[in-house]
Amino acid sequence: MATVLPSVLNVRSEPDTSKDNVVVQYYKGETINYHEVYICNGYVWIKYKSWQGYDRYVASRKIDSSEIYLKCT
C-alpha cells in the first residue's frame, strides 16, 4: 500500500509523464493498493488495476531527485 504525500497526484494510463494520459487523481492522505513497481522514463512507478480492470500507473518519485510522492508501506 502507498499513501499520497503531495496535495494532488496524477494517475496515468501509461508510465509516461510526457503524454496527456492522466485518467484520475489522488489527494494527500489517500492510499493506493499496488502490485508492481517499475523504473522507467526517469521515475519509479507503481502499478495497480482499476476497478474496471485497467492498468494504472502512479509516479512515486523521480529517480534523480529526493522528492518523494508516495510513502510505500
PDB file of N, CA and C in Angstrom:
ATOM      1  N   MET A   1       0.847  -1.164   0.000  1.00  0.00           N
ATOM      2  CA  MET A   1       0.000   0.000   0.000  1.00  0.00           C
ATOM      3  C   MET A   1       0.900   1.236   0.000  1.00  0.00           C
ATOM      4  N   ALA A   2       0.413   2.304  -0.616  1.00  0.00           N
ATOM      5  CA  ALA A   2       1.148   3.567  -0.670  1.00  0.00           C
ATOM      6  C   ALA A   2       0.219   4.713  -0.301  1.00  0.00           C
ATOM      7  N   THR A   3       0.749   5.696   0.421  1.00  0.00           N
ATOM      8  CA  THR A   3      -0.014   6.871   0.830  1.00  0.00           C
ATOM      9  C   THR A   3       0.471   8.085   0.053  1.00  0.00           C
ATOM     10  N   VAL A   4      -0.460   8.853  -0.492  1.00  0.00           N
ATOM     11  CA  VAL A   4      -0.138  10.044  -1.278  1.00  0.00           C
ATOM     12  C   VAL A   4       0.373  11.149  -0.360  1.00  0.00           C
ATOM     13  N   LEU A   5       1.526  11.747  -0.709  1.00  0.00           N
ATOM     14  CA  LEU A   5       2.132  12.803   0.098  1.00  0.00           C
ATOM     15  C   LEU A   5       1.825  14.217  -0.396  1.00  0.00           C
ATOM     16  N   PRO A   6       1.872  14.502  -1.721  1.00  0.00           N
ATOM     17  CA  PRO A   6       1.554  15.874  -2.154  1.00  0.00           C
ATOM     18  C   PRO A   6       0.045  16.140  -2.130  1.00  0.00           C
ATOM     19  N   SER A   7      -0.346  17.378  -2.376  1.00  0.00           N
ATOM     20  CA  SER A   7      -1.770  17.726  -2.338  1.00  0.00           C
ATOM     21  C   SER A   7      -2.571  17.013  -3.420  1.00  0.00           C
ATOM     22  N   VAL A   8      -1.963  16.760  -4.574  1.00  0.00           N
ATOM     23  CA  VAL A   8      -2.630  16.023  -5.655  1.00  0.00           C
ATOM     24  C   VAL A   8      -1.581  15.215  -6.422  1.00  0.00           C
ATOM     25  N   LEU A   9      -1.976  14.035  -6.892  1.00  0.00           N
ATOM     26  CA  LEU A   9      -1.067  13.152  -7.617  1.00  0.00           C
ATOM     27  C   LEU A   9      -1.815  12.522  -8.782  1.00  0.00           C
ATOM     28  N   ASN A  10      -1.244  12.617  -9.976  1.00  0.00           N
ATOM     29  CA  ASN A  10      -1.898  12.108 -11.179  1.00  0.00           C
ATOM     30  C   ASN A  10      -1.730  10.600 -11.322  1.00  0.00           C
ATOM     31  N   VAL A  11      -2.785   9.968 -11.794  1.00  0.00           N
ATOM     32  CA  VAL A  11      -2.774   8.556 -12.158  1.00  0.00           C
ATOM     33  C   VAL A  11      -2.848   8.504 -13.676  1.00  0.00           C
ATOM     34  N   ARG A  12      -2.006   7.676 -14.277  1.00  0.00           N
ATOM     35  CA  ARG A  12      -1.887   7.659 -15.741  1.00  0.00           C
ATOM     36  C   ARG A  12      -2.188   6.282 -16.320  1.00  0.00           C
ATOM     37  N   SER A  13      -2.534   6.273 -17.591  1.00  0.00           N
ATOM     38  CA  SER A  13      -2.801   5.018 -18.294  1.00  0.00           C
ATOM     39  C   SER A  13      -1.513   4.366 -18.788  1.00  0.00           C
ATOM     40  N   GLU A  14      -0.417   5.106 -18.796  1.00  0.00           N
ATOM     41  CA  GLU A  14       0.900   4.604 -19.172  1.00  0.00           C
ATOM     42  C   GLU A  14       1.926   5.221 -18.227  1.00  0.00           C
ATOM     43  N   PRO A  15       3.061   4.563 -18.010  1.00  0.00           N
ATOM     44  CA  PRO A  15       4.092   5.137 -17.142  1.00  0.00           C
ATOM     45  C   PRO A  15       4.936   6.171 -17.883  1.00  0.00           C
ATOM     46  N   ASP A  16       4.314   7.305 -18.218  1.00  0.00           N
ATOM     47  CA  ASP A  16       4.980   8.326 -19.024  1.00  0.00           C
ATOM     48  C   ASP A  16       4.351   9.691 -18.721  1.00  0.00           C
ATOM     49  N   THR A  17       5.137  10.631 -18.229  1.00  0.00           N
ATOM     50  CA  THR A  17       4.619  11.965 -17.908  1.00  0.00           C
ATOM     51  C   THR A  17       4.594  12.903 -19.104  1.00  0.00           C
ATOM     52  N   SER A  18       5.205  12.500 -20.217  1.00  0.00           N
ATOM     53  CA  SER A  18       5.251  13.384 -21.389  1.00  0.00           C
ATOM     54  C   SER A  18       3.986  13.302 -22.229  1.00  0.00           C
ATOM     55  N   LYS A  19       3.112  12.358 -21.940  1.00  0.00           N
ATOM     56  CA  LYS A  19       1.872  12.201 -22.698  1.00  0.00           C
ATOM     57  C   LYS A  19       0.690  12.715 -21.888  1.00  0.00           C
ATOM     58  N   ASP A  20      -0.372  13.081 -22.604  1.00  0.00           N
ATOM     59  CA  ASP A  20      -1.602  13.535 -21.951  1.00  0.00           C
ATOM     60  C   ASP A  20      -2.440  12.302 -21.623  1.00  0.00           C
ATOM     61  N   ASN A  21      -2.039  11.583 -20.568  1.00  0.00           N
ATOM     62  CA  ASN A  21      -2.682  10.314 -20.257  1.00  0.00           C
ATOM     63  C   ASN A  21      -3.150  10.223 -18.802  1.00  0.00           C
ATOM     64  N   VAL A  22      -3.480  11.369 -18.206  1.00  0.00           N
ATOM     65  CA  VAL A  22      -3.993  11.388 -16.836  1.00  0.00           C
ATOM     66  C   VAL A  22      -5.450  10.920 -16.860  1.00  0.00           C
ATOM     67  N   VAL A  23      -5.752   9.910 -16.050  1.00  0.00           N
ATOM     68  CA  VAL A  23      -7.112   9.354 -16.049  1.00  0.00           C
ATOM     69  C   VAL A  23      -7.871   9.663 -14.754  1.00  0.00           C
ATOM     70  N   VAL A  24      -7.145   9.943 -13.678  1.00  0.00           N
ATOM     71  CA  VAL A  24      -7.774  10.260 -12.389  1.00  0.00           C
ATOM     72  C   VAL A  24      -6.696  10.872 -11.508  1.00  0.00           C
ATOM     73  N   GLN A  25      -7.093  11.422 -10.386  1.00  0.00           N
ATOM     74  CA  GLN A  25      -6.129  11.985  -9.442  1.00  0.00           C
ATOM     75  C   GLN A  25      -6.426  11.477  -8.038  1.00  0.00           C
ATOM     76  N   TYR A  26      -5.354  11.327  -7.261  1.00  0.00           N
ATOM     77  CA  TYR A  26      -5.467  11.014  -5.840  1.00  0.00           C
ATOM     78  C   TYR A  26      -5.043  12.249  -5.061  1.00  0.00           C
ATOM     79  N   TYR A  27      -5.520  12.342  -3.827  1.00  0.00           N
ATOM     80  CA  TYR A  27      -5.243  13.510  -2.999  1.00  0.00           C
ATOM     81  C   TYR A  27      -4.498  13.112  -1.725  1.00  0.00           C
ATOM     82  N   LYS A  28      -3.828  14.087  -1.129  1.00  0.00           N
ATOM     83  CA  LYS A  28      -2.991  13.863   0.045  1.00  0.00           C
ATOM     84  C   LYS A  28      -3.714  13.011   1.093  1.00  0.00           C
ATOM     85  N   GLY A  29      -3.011  11.973   1.549  1.00  0.00           N
ATOM     86  CA  GLY A  29      -3.548  11.086   2.577  1.00  0.00           C
ATOM     87  C   GLY A  29      -4.301   9.881   2.054  1.00  0.00           C
ATOM     88  N   GLU A  30      -4.710   9.902   0.772  1.00  0.00           N
ATOM     89  CA  GLU A  30      -5.387   8.739   0.208  1.00  0.00           C
ATOM     90  C   GLU A  30      -4.371   7.611   0.017  1.00  0.00           C
ATOM     91  N   THR A  31      -4.859   6.375  -0.018  1.00  0.00           N
ATOM     92  CA  THR A  31      -3.967   5.228  -0.181  1.00  0.00           C
ATOM     93  C   THR A  31      -4.261   4.501  -1.489  1.00  0.00           C
ATOM     94  N   ILE A  32      -3.221   3.864  -1.990  1.00  0.00           N
ATOM     95  CA  ILE A  32      -3.301   3.105  -3.239  1.00  0.00           C
ATOM     96  C   ILE A  32      -2.745   1.713  -2.969  1.00  0.00           C
ATOM     97  N   ASN A  33      -3.499   0.692  -3.314  1.00  0.00           N
ATOM     98  CA  ASN A  33      -3.012  -0.685  -3.228  1.00  0.00           C
ATOM     99  C   ASN A  33      -2.391  -1.050  -4.572  1.00  0.00           C
ATOM    100  N   TYR A  34      -1.098  -1.263  -4.583  1.00  0.00           N
ATOM    101  CA  TYR A  34      -0.400  -1.544  -5.837  1.00  0.00           C
ATOM    102  C   TYR A  34       0.176  -2.948  -5.819  1.00  0.00           C
ATOM    103  N   HIS A  35       0.528  -3.457  -7.014  1.00  0.00           N
ATOM    104  CA  HIS A  35       1.050  -4.815  -7.088  1.00  0.00           C
ATOM    105  C   HIS A  35       2.366  -4.933  -7.843  1.00  0.00           C
ATOM    106  N   GLU A  36       2.830  -3.876  -8.478  1.00  0.00           N
ATOM    107  CA  GLU A  36       4.111  -3.928  -9.187  1.00  0.00           C
ATOM    108  C   GLU A  36       4.810  -2.581  -9.102  1.00  0.00           C
ATOM    109  N   VAL A  37       6.131  -2.612  -9.272  1.00  0.00           N
ATOM    110  CA  VAL A  37       6.952  -1.400  -9.296  1.00  0.00           C
ATOM    111  C   VAL A  37       7.784  -1.417 -10.566  1.00  0.00           C
ATOM    112  N   TYR A  38       7.851  -0.278 -11.251  1.00  0.00           N
ATOM    113  CA  TYR A  38       8.629  -0.136 -12.484  1.00  0.00           C
ATOM    114  C   TYR A  38       9.576   1.055 -12.355  1.00  0.00           C
ATOM    115  N   ILE A  39      10.687   0.975 -13.057  1.00  0.00           N
ATOM    116  CA  ILE A  39      11.586   2.112 -13.190  1.00  0.00           C
ATOM    117  C   ILE A  39      11.684   2.409 -14.678  1.00  0.00           C
ATOM    118  N   CYS A  40      11.136   3.548 -15.089  1.00  0.00           N
ATOM    119  CA  CYS A  40      11.208   3.935 -16.500  1.00  0.00           C
ATOM    120  C   CYS A  40      10.907   5.421 -16.649  1.00  0.00           C
ATOM    121  N   ASN A  41      11.411   5.993 -17.729  1.00  0.00           N
ATOM    122  CA  ASN A  41      11.180   7.401 -18.069  1.00  0.00           C
ATOM    123  C   ASN A  41      11.543   8.361 -16.942  1.00  0.00           C
ATOM    124  N   GLY A  42      12.593   8.017 -16.184  1.00  0.00           N
ATOM    125  CA  GLY A  42      13.091   8.913 -15.148  1.00  0.00           C
ATOM    126  C   GLY A  42      12.352   8.863 -13.820  1.00  0.00           C
ATOM    127  N   TYR A  43      11.411   7.926 -13.672  1.00  0.00           N
ATOM    128  CA  TYR A  43      10.615   7.812 -12.447  1.00  0.00           C
ATOM    129  C   TYR A  43      10.572   6.371 -11.948  1.00  0.00           C
ATOM    130  N   VAL A  44      10.269   6.236 -10.674  1.00  0.00           N
ATOM    131  CA  VAL A  44       9.879   4.952 -10.105  1.00  0.00           C
ATOM    132  C   VAL A  44       8.351   4.969 -10.076  1.00  0.00           C
ATOM    133  N   TRP A  45       7.730   3.984 -10.724  1.00  0.00           N
ATOM    134  CA  TRP A  45       6.278   3.937 -10.860  1.00  0.00           C
ATOM    135  C   TRP A  45       5.702   2.769 -10.076  1.00  0.00           C
ATOM    136  N   ILE A  46       4.497   2.952  -9.535  1.00  0.00           N
ATOM    137  CA  ILE A  46       3.741   1.823  -9.017  1.00  0.00           C
ATOM    138  C   ILE A  46       2.615   1.542 -10.009  1.00  0.00           C
ATOM    139  N   LYS A  47       2.219   0.290 -10.063  1.00  0.00           N
ATOM    140  CA  LYS A  47       1.157  -0.126 -10.984  1.00  0.00           C
ATOM    141  C   LYS A  47       0.058  -0.813 -10.183  1.00  0.00           C
ATOM    142  N   TYR A  48      -1.190  -0.507 -10.536  1.00  0.00           N
ATOM    143  CA  TYR A  48      -2.319  -1.182  -9.912  1.00  0.00           C
ATOM    144  C   TYR A  48      -3.419  -1.381 -10.949  1.00  0.00           C
ATOM    145  N   LYS A  49      -4.378  -2.215 -10.638  1.00  0.00           N
ATOM    146  CA  LYS A  49      -5.540  -2.444 -11.503  1.00  0.00           C
ATOM    147  C   LYS A  49      -6.698  -1.585 -11.012  1.00  0.00           C
ATOM    148  N   SER A  50      -7.318  -0.871 -11.948  1.00  0.00           N
ATOM    149  CA  SER A  50      -8.501  -0.074 -11.597  1.00  0.00           C
ATOM    150  C   SER A  50      -9.689  -1.019 -11.369  1.00  0.00           C
ATOM    151  N   TRP A  51     -10.765  -0.474 -10.819  1.00  0.00           N
ATOM    152  CA  TRP A  51     -11.981  -1.269 -10.606  1.00  0.00           C
ATOM    153  C   TRP A  51     -12.531  -1.805 -11.923  1.00  0.00           C
ATOM    154  N   GLN A  52     -12.224  -1.102 -13.033  1.00  0.00           N
ATOM    155  CA  GLN A  52     -12.697  -1.535 -14.347  1.00  0.00           C
ATOM    156  C   GLN A  52     -11.750  -2.555 -14.993  1.00  0.00           C
ATOM    157  N   GLY A  53     -10.629  -2.861 -14.325  1.00  0.00           N
ATOM    158  CA  GLY A  53      -9.692  -3.859 -14.840  1.00  0.00           C
ATOM    159  C   GLY A  53      -8.544  -3.296 -15.663  1.00  0.00           C
ATOM    160  N   TYR A  54      -8.417  -1.958 -15.729  1.00  0.00           N
ATOM    161  CA  TYR A  54      -7.347  -1.338 -16.495  1.00  0.00           C
ATOM    162  C   TYR A  54      -6.086  -1.171 -15.648  1.00  0.00           C
ATOM    163  N   ASP A  55      -4.924  -1.276 -16.281  1.00  0.00           N
ATOM    164  CA  ASP A  55      -3.664  -0.989 -15.597  1.00  0.00           C
ATOM    165  C   ASP A  55      -3.539   0.510 -15.398  1.00  0.00           C
ATOM    166  N   ARG A  56      -3.136   0.931 -14.203  1.00  0.00           N
ATOM    167  CA  ARG A  56      -2.935   2.344 -13.874  1.00  0.00           C
ATOM    168  C   ARG A  56      -1.557   2.520 -13.265  1.00  0.00           C
ATOM    169  N   TYR A  57      -0.937   3.661 -13.547  1.00  0.00           N
ATOM    170  CA  TYR A  57       0.437   3.935 -13.131  1.00  0.00           C
ATOM    171  C   TYR A  57       0.509   5.264 -12.377  1.00  0.00           C
ATOM    172  N   VAL A  58       1.288   5.260 -11.294  1.00  0.00           N
ATOM    173  CA  VAL A  58       1.479   6.457 -10.482  1.00  0.00           C
ATOM    174  C   VAL A  58       2.969   6.629 -10.235  1.00  0.00           C
ATOM    175  N   ALA A  59       3.491   7.819 -10.537  1.00  0.00           N
ATOM    176  CA  ALA A  59       4.908   8.099 -10.273  1.00  0.00           C
ATOM    177  C   ALA A  59       5.093   8.254  -8.773  1.00  0.00           C
ATOM    178  N   SER A  60       5.960   7.419  -8.186  1.00  0.00           N
ATOM    179  CA  SER A  60       6.181   7.509  -6.747  1.00  0.00           C
ATOM    180  C   SER A  60       7.336   8.434  -6.402  1.00  0.00           C
ATOM    181  N   ARG A  61       8.277   8.595  -7.360  1.00  0.00           N
ATOM    182  CA  ARG A  61       9.381   9.544  -7.162  1.00  0.00           C
ATOM    183  C   ARG A  61      10.200   9.641  -8.437  1.00  0.00           C
ATOM    184  N   LYS A  62      10.928  10.748  -8.589  1.00  0.00           N
ATOM    185  CA  LYS A  62      11.893  10.900  -9.669  1.00  0.00           C
ATOM    186  C   LYS A  62      13.153  10.139  -9.289  1.00  0.00           C
ATOM    187  N   ILE A  63      13.776   9.507 -10.248  1.00  0.00           N
ATOM    188  CA  ILE A  63      14.984   8.729  -9.979  1.00  0.00           C
ATOM    189  C   ILE A  63      16.120   9.624  -9.518  1.00  0.00           C
ATOM    190  N   ASP A  64      16.284  10.793 -10.146  1.00  0.00           N
ATOM    191  CA  ASP A  64      17.427  11.667  -9.857  1.00  0.00           C
ATOM    192  C   ASP A  64      17.107  12.766  -8.842  1.00  0.00           C
ATOM    193  N   SER A  65      16.097  12.537  -7.993  1.00  0.00           N
ATOM    194  CA  SER A  65      15.681  13.556  -7.034  1.00  0.00           C
ATOM    195  C   SER A  65      15.323  12.902  -5.705  1.00  0.00           C
ATOM    196  N   SER A  66      15.391  13.677  -4.657  1.00  0.00           N
ATOM    197  CA  SER A  66      14.968  13.172  -3.356  1.00  0.00           C
ATOM    198  C   SER A  66      13.481  13.439  -3.105  1.00  0.00           C
ATOM    199  N   GLU A  67      12.822  14.101  -4.062  1.00  0.00           N
ATOM    200  CA  GLU A  67      11.393  14.397  -3.933  1.00  0.00           C
ATOM    201  C   GLU A  67      10.573  13.115  -4.046  1.00  0.00           C
ATOM    202  N   ILE A  68       9.803  12.799  -3.018  1.00  0.00           N
ATOM    203  CA  ILE A  68       9.012  11.573  -2.978  1.00  0.00           C
ATOM    204  C   ILE A  68       7.534  11.932  -2.987  1.00  0.00           C
ATOM    205  N   TYR A  69       6.754  11.212  -3.811  1.00  0.00           N
ATOM    206  CA  TYR A  69       5.329  11.484  -3.955  1.00  0.00           C
ATOM    207  C   TYR A  69       4.447  10.511  -3.190  1.00  0.00           C
ATOM    208  N   LEU A  70       4.987   9.320  -2.904  1.00  0.00           N
ATOM    209  CA  LEU A  70       4.231   8.294  -2.193  1.00  0.00           C
ATOM    210  C   LEU A  70       5.057   7.709  -1.066  1.00  0.00           C
ATOM    211  N   LYS A  71       4.407   7.404   0.027  1.00  0.00           N
ATOM    212  CA  LYS A  71       5.066   6.669   1.106  1.00  0.00           C
ATOM    213  C   LYS A  71       4.578   5.233   1.009  1.00  0.00           C
ATOM    214  N   CYS A  72       5.466   4.345   0.605  1.00  0.00           N
ATOM    215  CA  CYS A  72       5.091   2.935   0.423  1.00  0.00           C
ATOM    216  C   CYS A  72       5.316   2.164   1.710  1.00  0.00           C
ATOM    217  N   THR A  73       4.336   1.346   2.051  1.00  0.00           N
ATOM    218  CA  THR A  73       4.433   0.550   3.275  1.00  0.00           C
ATOM    219  C   THR A  73       4.300  -0.919   2.980  1.00  0.00           C
TER     220      THR A  73
END
